[in-house]
Amino acid sequence: MQQAQADKLDHWNFYQARNIRQEVALSTLEQLKLARLGRAAPRPPRTTTPSPATRRSGRSSRKKDELKKQAEQDQKTYDGLNFHDDQFDLSDARSRWPSHCSR
C-alpha cells in the first residue's frame, strides 16, 4: 500500500510539473506573438510548420494526460489494496481480542 501511495503521489506531482511546463510554454509563445506585432515592419512567417514552443506544448499535453491516467490508476490500486487491508485489520483485531472479554 505504501508503494501504491508513493506511486500515486509521484504521478500527480509529475502531472502538476507538466501542467506548469505547458503553461509556461504557452505564455512564452503568446509573448513572442505580441512582440512580433510590436515590430515596425511585420514580415510574413517563414514557414507553415509549427514552432518548437507549439510542438513542445502538444507533447507536454499528451504526457500530462498519460500521467493523469496513471495517477488515477494508482489511486484505484491503492483503494483496492486498502479494502483488503481493512479486512485484514478486522480479522487481526478479532484474533487479538482477549479471551476474558468474550463473556
N, C-alpha and C. Protein backbone atom coordinates (compact mmCIF):
# COMPACT_ATOMS: atom_id res chain seq x y z
N MET A 1 0.82 -1.19 0.00
CA MET A 1 0.00 0.00 0.00
C MET A 1 0.87 1.26 0.00
N GLN A 2 1.98 1.20 0.72
CA GLN A 2 2.86 2.37 0.76
C GLN A 2 3.43 2.66 -0.62
N GLN A 3 3.77 1.62 -1.35
CA GLN A 3 4.30 1.81 -2.70
C GLN A 3 3.24 2.39 -3.63
N ALA A 4 2.01 1.89 -3.51
CA ALA A 4 0.93 2.42 -4.33
C ALA A 4 0.68 3.89 -4.01
N GLN A 5 0.73 4.24 -2.74
CA GLN A 5 0.55 5.64 -2.33
C GLN A 5 1.68 6.50 -2.88
N ALA A 6 2.90 6.02 -2.79
CA ALA A 6 4.06 6.78 -3.30
C ALA A 6 3.97 6.95 -4.82
N ASP A 7 3.56 5.89 -5.52
CA ASP A 7 3.41 5.98 -6.98
C ASP A 7 2.35 7.01 -7.35
N LYS A 8 1.23 6.98 -6.63
CA LYS A 8 0.15 7.93 -6.90
C LYS A 8 0.63 9.36 -6.71
N LEU A 9 1.31 9.61 -5.61
CA LEU A 9 1.81 10.97 -5.35
C LEU A 9 2.84 11.40 -6.38
N ASP A 10 3.72 10.49 -6.75
CA ASP A 10 4.72 10.81 -7.78
C ASP A 10 4.07 11.19 -9.10
N HIS A 11 3.08 10.41 -9.51
CA HIS A 11 2.44 10.68 -10.79
C HIS A 11 1.65 11.99 -10.76
N TRP A 12 0.99 12.28 -9.63
CA TRP A 12 0.29 13.56 -9.54
C TRP A 12 1.28 14.73 -9.54
N ASN A 13 2.43 14.57 -8.89
CA ASN A 13 3.44 15.63 -8.90
C ASN A 13 4.00 15.84 -10.30
N PHE A 14 4.26 14.76 -11.02
CA PHE A 14 4.74 14.89 -12.39
C PHE A 14 3.67 15.55 -13.27
N TYR A 15 2.40 15.20 -13.01
CA TYR A 15 1.30 15.81 -13.75
C TYR A 15 1.30 17.33 -13.54
N GLN A 16 1.45 17.75 -12.29
CA GLN A 16 1.47 19.19 -12.00
C GLN A 16 2.68 19.86 -12.64
N ALA A 17 3.82 19.20 -12.63
CA ALA A 17 5.01 19.77 -13.28
C ALA A 17 4.78 19.94 -14.77
N ARG A 18 4.16 18.95 -15.40
CA ARG A 18 3.84 19.05 -16.83
C ARG A 18 2.86 20.18 -17.09
N ASN A 19 1.90 20.32 -16.19
CA ASN A 19 0.91 21.38 -16.32
C ASN A 19 1.60 22.76 -16.28
N ILE A 20 2.51 22.93 -15.36
CA ILE A 20 3.25 24.19 -15.24
C ILE A 20 4.10 24.41 -16.48
N ARG A 21 4.77 23.37 -16.93
CA ARG A 21 5.62 23.48 -18.11
C ARG A 21 4.80 23.89 -19.34
N GLN A 22 3.62 23.29 -19.48
CA GLN A 22 2.77 23.63 -20.61
C GLN A 22 2.32 25.09 -20.53
N GLU A 23 1.94 25.54 -19.36
CA GLU A 23 1.50 26.93 -19.21
C GLU A 23 2.63 27.91 -19.51
N VAL A 24 3.84 27.59 -19.07
CA VAL A 24 4.99 28.46 -19.37
C VAL A 24 5.24 28.51 -20.87
N ALA A 25 5.16 27.36 -21.53
CA ALA A 25 5.39 27.31 -22.99
C ALA A 25 4.33 28.14 -23.72
N LEU A 26 3.08 28.00 -23.30
CA LEU A 26 2.02 28.76 -23.96
C LEU A 26 2.15 30.26 -23.72
N SER A 27 2.51 30.65 -22.52
CA SER A 27 2.67 32.08 -22.25
C SER A 27 3.88 32.65 -23.00
N THR A 28 4.95 31.87 -23.12
CA THR A 28 6.12 32.31 -23.90
C THR A 28 5.74 32.49 -25.36
N LEU A 29 4.98 31.56 -25.89
CA LEU A 29 4.52 31.65 -27.27
C LEU A 29 3.67 32.91 -27.47
N GLU A 30 2.79 33.17 -26.53
CA GLU A 30 1.94 34.37 -26.61
C GLU A 30 2.79 35.65 -26.55
N GLN A 31 3.79 35.67 -25.69
CA GLN A 31 4.67 36.83 -25.61
C GLN A 31 5.43 37.05 -26.91
N LEU A 32 5.87 35.97 -27.52
CA LEU A 32 6.58 36.09 -28.79
C LEU A 32 5.65 36.62 -29.89
N LYS A 33 4.41 36.17 -29.90
CA LYS A 33 3.45 36.68 -30.87
C LYS A 33 3.20 38.17 -30.67
N LEU A 34 3.05 38.59 -29.41
CA LEU A 34 2.83 40.00 -29.12
C LEU A 34 4.05 40.84 -29.47
N ALA A 35 5.23 40.31 -29.24
CA ALA A 35 6.45 41.04 -29.58
C ALA A 35 6.56 41.21 -31.09
N ARG A 36 6.13 40.20 -31.83
CA ARG A 36 6.17 40.28 -33.29
C ARG A 36 5.22 41.37 -33.79
N LEU A 37 4.08 41.53 -33.13
CA LEU A 37 3.12 42.56 -33.53
C LEU A 37 3.66 43.98 -33.28
N GLY A 38 4.55 44.12 -32.32
CA GLY A 38 5.10 45.42 -31.98
C GLY A 38 6.20 45.88 -32.91
N ARG A 39 6.63 45.07 -33.85
CA ARG A 39 7.69 45.46 -34.79
C ARG A 39 7.19 46.54 -35.75
N ALA A 40 8.14 47.32 -36.27
CA ALA A 40 7.79 48.40 -37.20
C ALA A 40 7.28 47.84 -38.53
N ALA A 41 7.95 46.87 -39.07
CA ALA A 41 7.56 46.30 -40.35
C ALA A 41 7.35 44.80 -40.19
N PRO A 42 6.10 44.38 -40.00
CA PRO A 42 5.88 42.94 -39.84
C PRO A 42 6.22 42.18 -41.10
N ARG A 43 6.80 41.05 -40.92
CA ARG A 43 7.15 40.23 -42.08
C ARG A 43 6.33 38.94 -42.02
N PRO A 44 6.07 38.35 -43.15
CA PRO A 44 5.28 37.12 -43.16
C PRO A 44 6.05 35.97 -42.53
N PRO A 45 5.34 35.00 -42.01
CA PRO A 45 6.03 33.84 -41.42
C PRO A 45 6.85 33.11 -42.48
N ARG A 46 7.99 32.60 -42.04
CA ARG A 46 8.90 31.91 -42.98
C ARG A 46 8.36 30.57 -43.42
N THR A 47 7.81 29.84 -42.50
CA THR A 47 7.30 28.50 -42.82
C THR A 47 5.94 28.31 -42.18
N THR A 48 5.28 27.27 -42.59
CA THR A 48 3.97 26.94 -42.00
C THR A 48 4.09 25.81 -40.98
N THR A 49 5.30 25.39 -40.68
CA THR A 49 5.48 24.33 -39.69
C THR A 49 5.29 24.91 -38.30
N PRO A 50 4.80 24.09 -37.38
CA PRO A 50 4.59 24.58 -36.02
C PRO A 50 5.93 24.98 -35.37
N SER A 51 5.86 25.98 -34.52
CA SER A 51 7.06 26.43 -33.83
C SER A 51 7.48 25.38 -32.80
N PRO A 52 8.73 25.44 -32.36
CA PRO A 52 9.16 24.49 -31.32
C PRO A 52 8.32 24.61 -30.05
N ALA A 53 7.92 25.83 -29.70
CA ALA A 53 7.10 26.01 -28.50
C ALA A 53 5.74 25.34 -28.66
N THR A 54 5.16 25.43 -29.86
CA THR A 54 3.86 24.79 -30.11
C THR A 54 4.00 23.27 -30.05
N ARG A 55 5.04 22.74 -30.65
CA ARG A 55 5.26 21.28 -30.60
C ARG A 55 5.50 20.83 -29.18
N ARG A 56 6.28 21.58 -28.42
CA ARG A 56 6.58 21.24 -27.04
C ARG A 56 5.30 21.24 -26.21
N SER A 57 4.44 22.20 -26.46
CA SER A 57 3.17 22.29 -25.73
C SER A 57 2.31 21.07 -26.02
N GLY A 58 2.26 20.64 -27.29
CA GLY A 58 1.48 19.46 -27.65
C GLY A 58 2.01 18.20 -26.99
N ARG A 59 3.33 18.04 -27.00
CA ARG A 59 3.94 16.87 -26.34
C ARG A 59 3.66 16.91 -24.85
N SER A 60 3.78 18.08 -24.26
CA SER A 60 3.55 18.22 -22.83
C SER A 60 2.11 17.86 -22.49
N SER A 61 1.18 18.26 -23.32
CA SER A 61 -0.23 17.96 -23.09
C SER A 61 -0.48 16.45 -23.14
N ARG A 62 0.10 15.78 -24.12
CA ARG A 62 -0.06 14.32 -24.23
C ARG A 62 0.55 13.62 -23.02
N LYS A 63 1.75 14.02 -22.64
CA LYS A 63 2.40 13.39 -21.49
C LYS A 63 1.63 13.67 -20.21
N LYS A 64 1.08 14.87 -20.11
CA LYS A 64 0.30 15.24 -18.93
C LYS A 64 -0.93 14.34 -18.83
N ASP A 65 -1.60 14.09 -19.95
CA ASP A 65 -2.77 13.22 -19.95
C ASP A 65 -2.40 11.80 -19.55
N GLU A 66 -1.25 11.32 -20.03
CA GLU A 66 -0.79 9.98 -19.65
C GLU A 66 -0.53 9.90 -18.15
N LEU A 67 0.10 10.93 -17.59
CA LEU A 67 0.39 10.94 -16.16
C LEU A 67 -0.90 10.99 -15.33
N LYS A 68 -1.88 11.73 -15.81
CA LYS A 68 -3.15 11.80 -15.10
C LYS A 68 -3.81 10.43 -15.06
N LYS A 69 -3.81 9.73 -16.20
CA LYS A 69 -4.39 8.39 -16.24
C LYS A 69 -3.65 7.44 -15.30
N GLN A 70 -2.32 7.55 -15.28
CA GLN A 70 -1.53 6.68 -14.41
C GLN A 70 -1.81 6.98 -12.93
N ALA A 71 -1.92 8.26 -12.59
CA ALA A 71 -2.21 8.64 -11.20
C ALA A 71 -3.59 8.14 -10.78
N GLU A 72 -4.56 8.22 -11.68
CA GLU A 72 -5.90 7.72 -11.37
C GLU A 72 -5.87 6.20 -11.21
N GLN A 73 -5.09 5.51 -12.04
CA GLN A 73 -4.95 4.06 -11.90
C GLN A 73 -4.27 3.71 -10.58
N ASP A 74 -3.26 4.50 -10.21
CA ASP A 74 -2.58 4.27 -8.93
C ASP A 74 -3.56 4.43 -7.77
N GLN A 75 -4.48 5.39 -7.87
CA GLN A 75 -5.48 5.58 -6.82
C GLN A 75 -6.39 4.37 -6.72
N LYS A 76 -6.78 3.81 -7.87
CA LYS A 76 -7.63 2.61 -7.87
C LYS A 76 -6.88 1.44 -7.24
N THR A 77 -5.60 1.30 -7.56
CA THR A 77 -4.78 0.24 -6.97
C THR A 77 -4.71 0.40 -5.46
N TYR A 78 -4.47 1.62 -5.02
CA TYR A 78 -4.38 1.89 -3.59
C TYR A 78 -5.70 1.58 -2.90
N ASP A 79 -6.81 2.01 -3.51
CA ASP A 79 -8.12 1.75 -2.91
C ASP A 79 -8.40 0.25 -2.82
N GLY A 80 -8.01 -0.49 -3.86
CA GLY A 80 -8.20 -1.93 -3.84
C GLY A 80 -7.38 -2.60 -2.74
N LEU A 81 -6.14 -2.17 -2.61
CA LEU A 81 -5.30 -2.72 -1.55
C LEU A 81 -5.81 -2.30 -0.18
N ASN A 82 -6.33 -1.10 -0.08
CA ASN A 82 -6.83 -0.60 1.20
C ASN A 82 -8.07 -1.39 1.62
N PHE A 83 -8.90 -1.79 0.68
CA PHE A 83 -10.08 -2.59 1.00
C PHE A 83 -9.66 -3.90 1.66
N HIS A 84 -8.67 -4.56 1.06
CA HIS A 84 -8.19 -5.83 1.63
C HIS A 84 -7.45 -5.59 2.94
N ASP A 85 -6.76 -4.49 3.06
CA ASP A 85 -6.04 -4.17 4.29
C ASP A 85 -7.02 -3.98 5.45
N ASP A 86 -8.15 -3.30 5.18
CA ASP A 86 -9.16 -3.12 6.21
C ASP A 86 -9.73 -4.45 6.66
N GLN A 87 -9.96 -5.37 5.72
CA GLN A 87 -10.46 -6.69 6.09
C GLN A 87 -9.44 -7.42 6.95
N PHE A 88 -8.17 -7.28 6.61
CA PHE A 88 -7.13 -7.93 7.40
C PHE A 88 -7.10 -7.35 8.81
N ASP A 89 -7.23 -6.03 8.91
CA ASP A 89 -7.23 -5.38 10.22
C ASP A 89 -8.37 -5.89 11.09
N LEU A 90 -9.55 -6.09 10.51
CA LEU A 90 -10.69 -6.60 11.27
C LEU A 90 -10.44 -8.02 11.74
N SER A 91 -9.91 -8.88 10.87
CA SER A 91 -9.66 -10.27 11.27
C SER A 91 -8.53 -10.33 12.29
N ASP A 92 -7.56 -9.46 12.14
CA ASP A 92 -6.44 -9.43 13.08
C ASP A 92 -6.91 -8.94 14.44
N ALA A 93 -7.80 -7.98 14.48
CA ALA A 93 -8.32 -7.45 15.75
C ALA A 93 -9.11 -8.54 16.48
N ARG A 94 -9.88 -9.32 15.75
CA ARG A 94 -10.68 -10.39 16.35
C ARG A 94 -9.77 -11.46 16.96
N SER A 95 -8.67 -11.80 16.28
CA SER A 95 -7.79 -12.82 16.80
C SER A 95 -6.99 -12.33 18.01
N ARG A 96 -6.86 -11.04 18.17
CA ARG A 96 -6.11 -10.49 19.30
C ARG A 96 -7.02 -10.11 20.46
N TRP A 97 -8.32 -10.32 20.30
CA TRP A 97 -9.28 -9.99 21.35
C TRP A 97 -9.00 -10.84 22.58
N PRO A 98 -8.86 -10.26 23.73
CA PRO A 98 -8.57 -11.05 24.95
C PRO A 98 -9.70 -12.03 25.23
N SER A 99 -9.33 -13.22 25.68
CA SER A 99 -10.32 -14.28 25.90
C SER A 99 -11.27 -13.92 27.02
N HIS A 100 -10.84 -13.13 28.00
CA HIS A 100 -11.72 -12.79 29.11
C HIS A 100 -12.80 -11.77 28.72
N CYS A 101 -12.69 -11.16 27.52
CA CYS A 101 -13.68 -10.18 27.07
C CYS A 101 -14.81 -10.84 26.30
N SER A 102 -14.73 -12.11 26.03
CA SER A 102 -15.74 -12.77 25.21
C SER A 102 -16.92 -13.25 26.04
N ARG A 103 -16.93 -13.03 27.33
CA ARG A 103 -18.02 -13.50 28.18
C ARG A 103 -19.27 -12.72 28.00
